[in-house]
PDB file of N, CA and C in Angstrom:
ATOM      1  N   UNK A   1     -45.969 -21.840   3.231  1.00  0.00           N
ATOM      2  CA  UNK A   1     -44.745 -21.234   2.780  1.00  0.00           C
ATOM      3  C   UNK A   1     -43.593 -21.690   3.685  1.00  0.00           C
ATOM      4  N   UNK A   2     -42.499 -22.060   3.093  1.00  0.00           N
ATOM      5  CA  UNK A   2     -41.317 -22.549   3.805  1.00  0.00           C
ATOM      6  C   UNK A   2     -40.408 -21.380   4.163  1.00  0.00           C
ATOM      7  N   UNK A   3     -40.033 -21.291   5.422  1.00  0.00           N
ATOM      8  CA  UNK A   3     -39.110 -20.256   5.886  1.00  0.00           C
ATOM      9  C   UNK A   3     -37.692 -20.777   5.766  1.00  0.00           C
ATOM     10  N   UNK A   4     -36.825 -20.016   5.100  1.00  0.00           N
ATOM     11  CA  UNK A   4     -35.441 -20.479   4.968  1.00  0.00           C
ATOM     12  C   UNK A   4     -34.748 -20.491   6.324  1.00  0.00           C
ATOM     13  N   UNK A   5     -33.705 -21.301   6.469  1.00  0.00           N
ATOM     14  CA  UNK A   5     -32.952 -21.320   7.730  1.00  0.00           C
ATOM     15  C   UNK A   5     -32.232 -19.993   7.939  1.00  0.00           C
ATOM     16  N   UNK A   6     -31.912 -19.719   9.165  1.00  0.00           N
ATOM     17  CA  UNK A   6     -31.137 -18.525   9.490  1.00  0.00           C
ATOM     18  C   UNK A   6     -29.685 -18.733   9.054  1.00  0.00           C
ATOM     19  N   UNK A   7     -29.063 -17.717   8.475  1.00  0.00           N
ATOM     20  CA  UNK A   7     -27.639 -17.847   8.135  1.00  0.00           C
ATOM     21  C   UNK A   7     -26.795 -17.858   9.403  1.00  0.00           C
ATOM     22  N   UNK A   8     -25.718 -18.591   9.369  1.00  0.00           N
ATOM     23  CA  UNK A   8     -24.771 -18.619  10.483  1.00  0.00           C
ATOM     24  C   UNK A   8     -23.767 -17.493  10.246  1.00  0.00           C
ATOM     25  N   UNK A   9     -24.103 -16.314  10.731  1.00  0.00           N
ATOM     26  CA  UNK A   9     -23.305 -15.123  10.460  1.00  0.00           C
ATOM     27  C   UNK A   9     -21.895 -15.201  11.035  1.00  0.00           C
ATOM     28  N   UNK A  10     -21.695 -16.020  12.048  1.00  0.00           N
ATOM     29  CA  UNK A  10     -20.361 -16.169  12.627  1.00  0.00           C
ATOM     30  C   UNK A  10     -19.368 -16.725  11.604  1.00  0.00           C
ATOM     31  N   UNK A  11     -19.871 -17.386  10.593  1.00  0.00           N
ATOM     32  CA  UNK A  11     -18.987 -17.953   9.565  1.00  0.00           C
ATOM     33  C   UNK A  11     -18.387 -16.898   8.647  1.00  0.00           C
ATOM     34  N   UNK A  12     -18.909 -15.682   8.701  1.00  0.00           N
ATOM     35  CA  UNK A  12     -18.321 -14.622   7.890  1.00  0.00           C
ATOM     36  C   UNK A  12     -16.892 -14.318   8.319  1.00  0.00           C
ATOM     37  N   UNK A  13     -16.606 -14.411   9.599  1.00  0.00           N
ATOM     38  CA  UNK A  13     -15.244 -14.152  10.080  1.00  0.00           C
ATOM     39  C   UNK A  13     -14.270 -15.145   9.453  1.00  0.00           C
ATOM     40  N   UNK A  14     -14.665 -16.404   9.424  1.00  0.00           N
ATOM     41  CA  UNK A  14     -13.803 -17.429   8.814  1.00  0.00           C
ATOM     42  C   UNK A  14     -13.616 -17.161   7.324  1.00  0.00           C
ATOM     43  N   UNK A  15     -14.706 -16.805   6.651  1.00  0.00           N
ATOM     44  CA  UNK A  15     -14.617 -16.505   5.217  1.00  0.00           C
ATOM     45  C   UNK A  15     -13.692 -15.315   4.981  1.00  0.00           C
ATOM     46  N   UNK A  16     -13.806 -14.295   5.834  1.00  0.00           N
ATOM     47  CA  UNK A  16     -12.927 -13.140   5.717  1.00  0.00           C
ATOM     48  C   UNK A  16     -11.467 -13.571   5.824  1.00  0.00           C
ATOM     49  N   UNK A  17     -11.157 -14.362   6.841  1.00  0.00           N
ATOM     50  CA  UNK A  17      -9.766 -14.798   7.063  1.00  0.00           C
ATOM     51  C   UNK A  17      -9.235 -15.604   5.886  1.00  0.00           C
ATOM     52  N   UNK A  18     -10.062 -16.481   5.350  1.00  0.00           N
ATOM     53  CA  UNK A  18      -9.640 -17.309   4.217  1.00  0.00           C
ATOM     54  C   UNK A  18      -9.323 -16.445   3.002  1.00  0.00           C
ATOM     55  N   UNK A  19     -10.224 -15.541   2.668  1.00  0.00           N
ATOM     56  CA  UNK A  19     -10.025 -14.716   1.475  1.00  0.00           C
ATOM     57  C   UNK A  19      -8.898 -13.695   1.667  1.00  0.00           C
ATOM     58  N   UNK A  20      -8.749 -13.190   2.869  1.00  0.00           N
ATOM     59  CA  UNK A  20      -7.624 -12.285   3.135  1.00  0.00           C
ATOM     60  C   UNK A  20      -6.311 -13.036   2.971  1.00  0.00           C
ATOM     61  N   UNK A  21      -6.243 -14.243   3.526  1.00  0.00           N
ATOM     62  CA  UNK A  21      -5.020 -15.053   3.401  1.00  0.00           C
ATOM     63  C   UNK A  21      -4.734 -15.371   1.934  1.00  0.00           C
ATOM     64  N   UNK A  22      -5.773 -15.726   1.197  1.00  0.00           N
ATOM     65  CA  UNK A  22      -5.602 -16.038  -0.225  1.00  0.00           C
ATOM     66  C   UNK A  22      -5.107 -14.831  -1.014  1.00  0.00           C
ATOM     67  N   UNK A  23      -5.487 -13.649  -0.574  1.00  0.00           N
ATOM     68  CA  UNK A  23      -5.080 -12.430  -1.281  1.00  0.00           C
ATOM     69  C   UNK A  23      -3.613 -12.096  -1.032  1.00  0.00           C
ATOM     70  N   UNK A  24      -3.068 -12.561   0.101  1.00  0.00           N
ATOM     71  CA  UNK A  24      -1.698 -12.234   0.455  1.00  0.00           C
ATOM     72  C   UNK A  24      -1.530 -10.801   0.934  1.00  0.00           C
ATOM     73  N   UNK A  25      -2.638 -10.114   1.158  1.00  0.00           N
ATOM     74  CA  UNK A  25      -2.584  -8.708   1.569  1.00  0.00           C
ATOM     75  C   UNK A  25      -2.483  -8.590   3.088  1.00  0.00           C
ATOM     76  N   UNK A  26      -1.751  -7.587   3.541  1.00  0.00           N
ATOM     77  CA  UNK A  26      -1.729  -7.262   4.960  1.00  0.00           C
ATOM     78  C   UNK A  26      -2.994  -6.455   5.266  1.00  0.00           C
ATOM     79  N   UNK A  27      -3.253  -6.249   6.549  1.00  0.00           N
ATOM     80  CA  UNK A  27      -4.398  -5.406   6.914  1.00  0.00           C
ATOM     81  C   UNK A  27      -4.210  -3.986   6.397  1.00  0.00           C
ATOM     82  N   UNK A  28      -3.011  -3.482   6.449  1.00  0.00           N
ATOM     83  CA  UNK A  28      -2.757  -2.132   5.956  1.00  0.00           C
ATOM     84  C   UNK A  28      -2.987  -2.042   4.447  1.00  0.00           C
ATOM     85  N   UNK A  29      -2.513  -3.028   3.715  1.00  0.00           N
ATOM     86  CA  UNK A  29      -2.729  -3.046   2.262  1.00  0.00           C
ATOM     87  C   UNK A  29      -4.214  -3.160   1.934  1.00  0.00           C
ATOM     88  N   UNK A  30      -4.910  -4.004   2.675  1.00  0.00           N
ATOM     89  CA  UNK A  30      -6.337  -4.179   2.437  1.00  0.00           C
ATOM     90  C   UNK A  30      -7.105  -2.904   2.770  1.00  0.00           C
ATOM     91  N   UNK A  31      -6.714  -2.232   3.831  1.00  0.00           N
ATOM     92  CA  UNK A  31      -7.343  -0.959   4.190  1.00  0.00           C
ATOM     93  C   UNK A  31      -7.129   0.076   3.088  1.00  0.00           C
ATOM     94  N   UNK A  32      -5.913   0.153   2.589  1.00  0.00           N
ATOM     95  CA  UNK A  32      -5.619   1.099   1.501  1.00  0.00           C
ATOM     96  C   UNK A  32      -6.412   0.765   0.241  1.00  0.00           C
ATOM     97  N   UNK A  33      -6.498  -0.513  -0.101  1.00  0.00           N
ATOM     98  CA  UNK A  33      -7.177  -0.929  -1.331  1.00  0.00           C
ATOM     99  C   UNK A  33      -8.691  -0.769  -1.258  1.00  0.00           C
ATOM    100  N   UNK A  34      -9.250  -0.903  -0.066  1.00  0.00           N
ATOM    101  CA  UNK A  34     -10.707  -0.867   0.066  1.00  0.00           C
ATOM    102  C   UNK A  34     -11.241   0.479   0.546  1.00  0.00           C
ATOM    103  N   UNK A  35     -10.402   1.256   1.210  1.00  0.00           N
ATOM    104  CA  UNK A  35     -10.882   2.479   1.824  1.00  0.00           C
ATOM    105  C   UNK A  35     -11.592   2.223   3.143  1.00  0.00           C
ATOM    106  N   UNK A  36     -11.547   0.983   3.617  1.00  0.00           N
ATOM    107  CA  UNK A  36     -12.146   0.627   4.902  1.00  0.00           C
ATOM    108  C   UNK A  36     -11.101   0.806   5.997  1.00  0.00           C
ATOM    109  N   UNK A  37     -11.557   1.146   7.166  1.00  0.00           N
ATOM    110  CA  UNK A  37     -10.635   1.330   8.280  1.00  0.00           C
ATOM    111  C   UNK A  37      -9.988   0.001   8.664  1.00  0.00           C
ATOM    112  N   UNK A  38      -8.713   0.056   9.007  1.00  0.00           N
ATOM    113  CA  UNK A  38      -8.001  -1.149   9.445  1.00  0.00           C
ATOM    114  C   UNK A  38      -8.732  -1.792  10.613  1.00  0.00           C
ATOM    115  N   UNK A  39      -9.248  -0.995  11.550  1.00  0.00           N
ATOM    116  CA  UNK A  39      -9.970  -1.535  12.702  1.00  0.00           C
ATOM    117  C   UNK A  39     -11.245  -2.262  12.268  1.00  0.00           C
ATOM    118  N   UNK A  40     -11.917  -1.764  11.252  1.00  0.00           N
ATOM    119  CA  UNK A  40     -13.099  -2.453  10.713  1.00  0.00           C
ATOM    120  C   UNK A  40     -12.717  -3.829  10.197  1.00  0.00           C
ATOM    121  N   UNK A  41     -11.609  -3.893   9.490  1.00  0.00           N
ATOM    122  CA  UNK A  41     -11.141  -5.174   8.946  1.00  0.00           C
ATOM    123  C   UNK A  41     -10.781  -6.139  10.074  1.00  0.00           C
ATOM    124  N   UNK A  42     -10.122  -5.633  11.101  1.00  0.00           N
ATOM    125  CA  UNK A  42      -9.783  -6.472  12.253  1.00  0.00           C
ATOM    126  C   UNK A  42     -11.048  -6.973  12.948  1.00  0.00           C
ATOM    127  N   UNK A  43     -12.054  -6.120  13.046  1.00  0.00           N
ATOM    128  CA  UNK A  43     -13.316  -6.517  13.665  1.00  0.00           C
ATOM    129  C   UNK A  43     -14.039  -7.579  12.846  1.00  0.00           C
ATOM    130  N   UNK A  44     -13.982  -7.478  11.531  1.00  0.00           N
ATOM    131  CA  UNK A  44     -14.581  -8.502  10.672  1.00  0.00           C
ATOM    132  C   UNK A  44     -13.878  -9.847  10.878  1.00  0.00           C
ATOM    133  N   UNK A  45     -12.560  -9.814  10.914  1.00  0.00           N
ATOM    134  CA  UNK A  45     -11.775 -11.034  11.092  1.00  0.00           C
ATOM    135  C   UNK A  45     -12.045 -11.694  12.434  1.00  0.00           C
ATOM    136  N   UNK A  46     -12.297 -10.888  13.450  1.00  0.00           N
ATOM    137  CA  UNK A  46     -12.537 -11.410  14.796  1.00  0.00           C
ATOM    138  C   UNK A  46     -14.001 -11.772  15.035  1.00  0.00           C
ATOM    139  N   UNK A  47     -14.862 -11.441  14.089  1.00  0.00           N
ATOM    140  CA  UNK A  47     -16.283 -11.731  14.262  1.00  0.00           C
ATOM    141  C   UNK A  47     -16.989 -10.762  15.197  1.00  0.00           C
ATOM    142  N   UNK A  48     -16.351  -9.633  15.488  1.00  0.00           N
ATOM    143  CA  UNK A  48     -16.980  -8.638  16.363  1.00  0.00           C
ATOM    144  C   UNK A  48     -18.043  -7.830  15.631  1.00  0.00           C
ATOM    145  N   UNK A  49     -17.965  -7.827  14.313  1.00  0.00           N
ATOM    146  CA  UNK A  49     -18.967  -7.178  13.469  1.00  0.00           C
ATOM    147  C   UNK A  49     -19.135  -8.004  12.207  1.00  0.00           C
ATOM    148  N   UNK A  50     -20.293  -7.863  11.591  1.00  0.00           N
ATOM    149  CA  UNK A  50     -20.543  -8.595  10.346  1.00  0.00           C
ATOM    150  C   UNK A  50     -20.393  -7.714   9.123  1.00  0.00           C
ATOM    151  N   UNK A  51     -20.290  -6.412   9.321  1.00  0.00           N
ATOM    152  CA  UNK A  51     -20.215  -5.503   8.188  1.00  0.00           C
ATOM    153  C   UNK A  51     -21.580  -5.350   7.536  1.00  0.00           C
ATOM    154  N   UNK A  52     -21.604  -4.602   6.466  1.00  0.00           N
ATOM    155  CA  UNK A  52     -22.840  -4.424   5.718  1.00  0.00           C
ATOM    156  C   UNK A  52     -22.599  -4.851   4.275  1.00  0.00           C
ATOM    157  N   UNK A  53     -23.619  -4.762   3.480  1.00  0.00           N
ATOM    158  CA  UNK A  53     -23.511  -5.203   2.093  1.00  0.00           C
ATOM    159  C   UNK A  53     -22.416  -4.434   1.358  1.00  0.00           C
ATOM    160  N   UNK A  54     -22.338  -3.134   1.568  1.00  0.00           N
ATOM    161  CA  UNK A  54     -21.321  -2.317   0.912  1.00  0.00           C
ATOM    162  C   UNK A  54     -19.920  -2.829   1.241  1.00  0.00           C
ATOM    163  N   UNK A  55     -19.677  -3.134   2.505  1.00  0.00           N
ATOM    164  CA  UNK A  55     -18.373  -3.639   2.944  1.00  0.00           C
ATOM    165  C   UNK A  55     -18.001  -4.907   2.187  1.00  0.00           C
ATOM    166  N   UNK A  56     -18.925  -5.855   2.116  1.00  0.00           N
ATOM    167  CA  UNK A  56     -18.646  -7.138   1.461  1.00  0.00           C
ATOM    168  C   UNK A  56     -18.522  -6.989  -0.049  1.00  0.00           C
ATOM    169  N   UNK A  57     -19.266  -6.057  -0.635  1.00  0.00           N
ATOM    170  CA  UNK A  57     -19.119  -5.804  -2.070  1.00  0.00           C
ATOM    171  C   UNK A  57     -17.738  -5.237  -2.385  1.00  0.00           C
ATOM    172  N   UNK A  58     -17.274  -4.322  -1.543  1.00  0.00           N
ATOM    173  CA  UNK A  58     -15.936  -3.751  -1.735  1.00  0.00           C
ATOM    174  C   UNK A  58     -14.866  -4.825  -1.582  1.00  0.00           C
ATOM    175  N   UNK A  59     -14.981  -5.643  -0.550  1.00  0.00           N
ATOM    176  CA  UNK A  59     -13.999  -6.718  -0.349  1.00  0.00           C
ATOM    177  C   UNK A  59     -13.993  -7.683  -1.527  1.00  0.00           C
ATOM    178  N   UNK A  60     -15.164  -8.062  -2.006  1.00  0.00           N
ATOM    179  CA  UNK A  60     -15.251  -8.978  -3.146  1.00  0.00           C
ATOM    180  C   UNK A  60     -14.564  -8.378  -4.369  1.00  0.00           C
ATOM    181  N   UNK A  61     -14.763  -7.096  -4.596  1.00  0.00           N
ATOM    182  CA  UNK A  61     -14.147  -6.421  -5.746  1.00  0.00           C
ATOM    183  C   UNK A  61     -12.627  -6.415  -5.615  1.00  0.00           C
ATOM    184  N   UNK A  62     -12.127  -6.067  -4.439  1.00  0.00           N
ATOM    185  CA  UNK A  62     -10.678  -6.010  -4.228  1.00  0.00           C
ATOM    186  C   UNK A  62     -10.056  -7.400  -4.320  1.00  0.00           C
ATOM    187  N   UNK A  63     -10.751  -8.396  -3.768  1.00  0.00           N
ATOM    188  CA  UNK A  63     -10.230  -9.762  -3.811  1.00  0.00           C
ATOM    189  C   UNK A  63     -10.503 -10.451  -5.147  1.00  0.00           C
ATOM    190  N   UNK A  64     -11.252  -9.785  -6.014  1.00  0.00           N
ATOM    191  CA  UNK A  64     -11.591 -10.308  -7.340  1.00  0.00           C
ATOM    192  C   UNK A  64     -12.290 -11.657  -7.267  1.00  0.00           C
ATOM    193  N   UNK A  65     -13.284 -11.730  -6.373  1.00  0.00           N
ATOM    194  CA  UNK A  65     -14.130 -12.919  -6.254  1.00  0.00           C
ATOM    195  C   UNK A  65     -15.583 -12.481  -6.225  1.00  0.00           C
ATOM    196  N   UNK A  66     -16.472 -13.382  -6.584  1.00  0.00           N
ATOM    197  CA  UNK A  66     -17.898 -13.090  -6.504  1.00  0.00           C
ATOM    198  C   UNK A  66     -18.316 -13.002  -5.043  1.00  0.00           C
ATOM    199  N   UNK A  67     -19.241 -12.113  -4.768  1.00  0.00           N
ATOM    200  CA  UNK A  67     -19.753 -11.965  -3.408  1.00  0.00           C
ATOM    201  C   UNK A  67     -20.269 -13.297  -2.874  1.00  0.00           C
ATOM    202  N   UNK A  68     -20.926 -14.059  -3.722  1.00  0.00           N
ATOM    203  CA  UNK A  68     -21.459 -15.352  -3.297  1.00  0.00           C
ATOM    204  C   UNK A  68     -20.351 -16.301  -2.851  1.00  0.00           C
ATOM    205  N   UNK A  69     -19.210 -16.202  -3.465  1.00  0.00           N
ATOM    206  CA  UNK A  69     -18.067 -17.054  -3.089  1.00  0.00           C
ATOM    207  C   UNK A  69     -17.653 -16.780  -1.641  1.00  0.00           C
ATOM    208  N   UNK A  70     -17.772 -15.542  -1.214  1.00  0.00           N
ATOM    209  CA  UNK A  70     -17.405 -15.169   0.150  1.00  0.00           C
ATOM    210  C   UNK A  70     -18.485 -15.555   1.141  1.00  0.00           C
ATOM    211  N   UNK A  71     -19.731 -15.275   0.794  1.00  0.00           N
ATOM    212  CA  UNK A  71     -20.827 -15.377   1.762  1.00  0.00           C
ATOM    213  C   UNK A  71     -21.561 -16.714   1.772  1.00  0.00           C
ATOM    214  N   UNK A  72     -21.338 -17.560   0.807  1.00  0.00           N
ATOM    215  CA  UNK A  72     -22.127 -18.799   0.711  1.00  0.00           C
ATOM    216  C   UNK A  72     -21.956 -19.730   1.903  1.00  0.00           C
ATOM    217  N   UNK A  73     -20.827 -19.656   2.590  1.00  0.00           N
ATOM    218  CA  UNK A  73     -20.578 -20.557   3.718  1.00  0.00           C
ATOM    219  C   UNK A  73     -21.514 -20.319   4.896  1.00  0.00           C
ATOM    220  N   UNK A  74     -22.184 -19.165   4.955  1.00  0.00           N
ATOM    221  CA  UNK A  74     -23.118 -18.922   6.060  1.00  0.00           C
ATOM    222  C   UNK A  74     -24.305 -19.882   5.994  1.00  0.00           C
ATOM    223  N   UNK A  75     -24.482 -20.553   4.848  1.00  0.00           N
ATOM    224  CA  UNK A  75     -25.609 -21.481   4.674  1.00  0.00           C
ATOM    225  C   UNK A  75     -25.217 -22.942   4.851  1.00  0.00           C
ATOM    226  N   UNK A  76     -23.926 -23.231   4.986  1.00  0.00           N
ATOM    227  CA  UNK A  76     -23.488 -24.620   5.131  1.00  0.00           C
ATOM    228  C   UNK A  76     -24.061 -25.235   6.395  1.00  0.00           C
ATOM    229  N   UNK A  77     -24.531 -26.439   6.253  1.00  0.00           N
ATOM    230  CA  UNK A  77     -25.066 -27.173   7.402  1.00  0.00           C
ATOM    231  C   UNK A  77     -23.964 -28.078   7.938  1.00  0.00           C
ATOM    232  N   UNK A  78     -23.796 -28.068   9.239  1.00  0.00           N
ATOM    233  CA  UNK A  78     -22.738 -28.912   9.815  1.00  0.00           C
ATOM    234  C   UNK A  78     -23.243 -30.296  10.079  1.00  0.00           C
TER     235      UNK A  78
END
């Protein structure tokens, strides 16, 4: 049986920044739209936390993108 590679979770911070920038939303607007704490959003952007599935599902819904569109970069090979 083949074991899949480990995801590069640090890439979630970059994905967060890209999608936040594409949305044109401020942290305050994003916090209001998602119900997530502004500090949580700042921590995601800085890579201090990875969040959980619920967090990423909410962000995907607010940004109107598929979850896979946000998270797929964790599998990119450099």
